Amino acid sequence: MDEVSLNTEPAGDDDADEFEIEGDCAMTDFISQTGIIQGENPLPPVVGMEFDSYEDVYYFYNCYAKQQGFGVRVSNTWYRKSKERYRGKLSCSSAGFKKKSEANRPRPETRTGCPAMIKFRLMDSNRWRVIEVELEHNHLISPASGKFYKSHKSVGVGTKRALQLDTAEEVQKIRLFRTVIIDSEGNGSIDVDEGESGNRVDYSNQLKLKEGDAQAVQNYFSRLQLMDPNFFYVVDLNEKGCLRNLFWADARTRVAYSYFCDIVAIDTTCLENKFEVPLVSFIGVNHHGQSVLLGCGLLASETVESYTWLFRAWLTCILGRPPQAIITSQCRTLQTAISDVFPRASHCLCLSHIMQKIPENLGGLFEYEAIKESFSRAVYYSLRVEEFEAAWEDMVQHHGIRDHKWLQALFDDRKRWVPVYLKDIFLAGMSPVQPSEVVSSYFKEFLHKDTPLKEFLDKYDQALQTHHRLEALADLDSRNSSYMLKSRCYFELQLSKVYTNDILRKFESEVEGMYSCFSTSQLNPDGPVITYIVKEQTEVDGNRREVRDYEVLYNPSEMEVLCICGMFNLRGYLCRHTLSVLNQNGVEEIPAQYVLSRWRKDIKRNYIFDHSCSGIDINNPVHRYDHLYKCIVQVVEEGRKSQDRYKVAFGALDEILNKLCLTEDPAL
């Protein structure tokens, strides 16, 4: 054992907290010229980034910290016996806590135990690679406070020598630095003959790529990067330099998350079912209730480490803004990774996935059909927690299946998947609450178990275009067609003016359901919150109907209404029971807090980045190139929408080029 750790985190001496860099380094000049300090959208650290030296890593992270508004300290540096550094950890200056002092007037505690940090190590290539990133802080940060931290004293704008850029090619090379590039040579060597025992490949530690797959990935990503300046991807290489994990997202995907970031489903079906393409998809739901892609990844294995890497890569892509709720399949490995990377997000299990597993796990049991019916009734028709738990107990007791391991695991996780426990979590209809509802895969029509990776990459754009076309058609239908209302209810009329047609059709069934509600009675009319009991005749177990009581709480002063069925959070719109109570109280419009902007048709969603000119140094050729490139993308996006817009855009560009040709520039 010739490796030791020195420089453990100082805990009491403030002067020991800072790592002083002497002299100049290449990253210093690069950063000051590419806008990582001054630009409007500084690049966060990403797992897989590589640097020429230890000092370059520190300078990069310190520049990022200054832009975000926090200080940096060296928590750990590991040395070999030869005194060569081989590993390091940089943390937020609020990491850890100071050692308790016995002084009469000890200095006040200023640290918070902040988890934000990066870890990096020296690779065989003699470059330093970032191996772990945590972006979230447990305290407020502000860019305005950056100048008050010790670590930023040496980071001054305009204090470094200028980097000479003579050609457009050089500018382009520097711009492309912002994305990690795939090492195709490392991946090209993994296609070996599995029949030779001495050359067997451990595919649990690298992607199982066939001949030409690595080159296909590189070509595809290179093409997307040239077409889309905001295309984002990260690769994870193993110790031998072979491709292990991969994440990517285009500009539209990244902007879509800014609109629909409240609830995300992580689809691991392909990975769990051993598809040829081990795809993991991040899926949201748009304003029409349609699935929308928020990112993709390929993983070598279903390990905590792989999932953690993928989730942190995605978190970096979405600029450190995690969703409020996440839906996954039932998997302990996933649960561990999500609790680590998204500790504050509500983690739910996909009910549709669980129901599909019933035949596989319970099909061999005696009285299987009766068990399945009892299971479904307990899950879908319980309004209160005690109802569900009593129904579950009756099922396992009556059929003698209390010791069934799969059912035991489900019951232990019941608060993550049974609708009665999820009423306080906004799910926007992504978790089914009726037996007939099924969640389908985003790539269902384009990816099958034996689809090769190269074929999937060819179909990937087709899949995206299909979904984009469906959204565009739904937008057109909602904006231009007059919706035929089925009733004269003012609630329906109100939402028809602002909601998309697809969501309105779903809400329409609740309006119609108001007429199956009757005998709405008050329990405590004197308090600030009035409790109503709404009776409804519902269909149960196919053809049988029964009358059920729904408890609705109504606060007239705050215009708040809450039903025990929990439909507003589960689906995103009010249920028939709350509408009945509002109607009985003479309320003519749904209160504003229950009209959600995520369903509105009058919000313009462009799916292109909004690039302002703040922070642009017009004396810097890299800044000029990047900013003009991003601005012209907006012109292209608008110009392609119709023939008239194309003609306007083309004419304007032609006019601009003519003016530029007439402009005299003494520097050229």
Foldseek 3Di string as FASTA:
>chain_A
DQKFKPPAAAAADPVQFADDDDDDDPLLQLCLQQCLQQFPDHADDAFFQKAQDPVSVLVSNQSNCLQFAFHKGWRIWMAGNVRDTFKTKIATPLADWHDDDPDPDDDDIDHDNWPFMWMWGQAPVRIIGTHDGAHDTPDDGDSVNSVVYPNCPPPDRPPDDHDDDDDVVVLVVSLVSSADAAPLVLAQPLADDCVPVVNHDDLLQAPPAHHPLSVLVRVLVVVLCVVAVLKYKHFDADNSSHTAKIKIDGLLLLLVCVLFQAEWEWEQPLLVVQFLFRKIWIWTAFLLRHIDTNIMMGHSHLALSRLLSHLVNSCSSNVNDHHQEYEYADDPSNVVSCCVRPVRHQYAYAQQNVLVCLCVQQVPAPPSVVLNQLVQCLQQVDLAPVSSVVSVVCSCVVRVPPPRVVVVSCVVRVCRYRLLNCLVAAHQQQHDRDPVDHDDDLCNVQGDRHDHSSSSSVCVVVSNVVVVVVVVVQLCCLPPPQDDQPDPALALVVVSVWFGPSVSVVVSVQVVQLVQKDDWDWDDVPDQKIKIWIWGWDDDPPRDIDIDIKIKIARVVVRDIDISSSCCRNNPADGNVRVNVCVVVVNRYRDPVSNDPSRTSPDDRQSADDGDCRSQDPVRPSSVVVVVVSVVVVLVSQQVPDVVSVVVSVVVVVVVVVVVVVDDDPVD
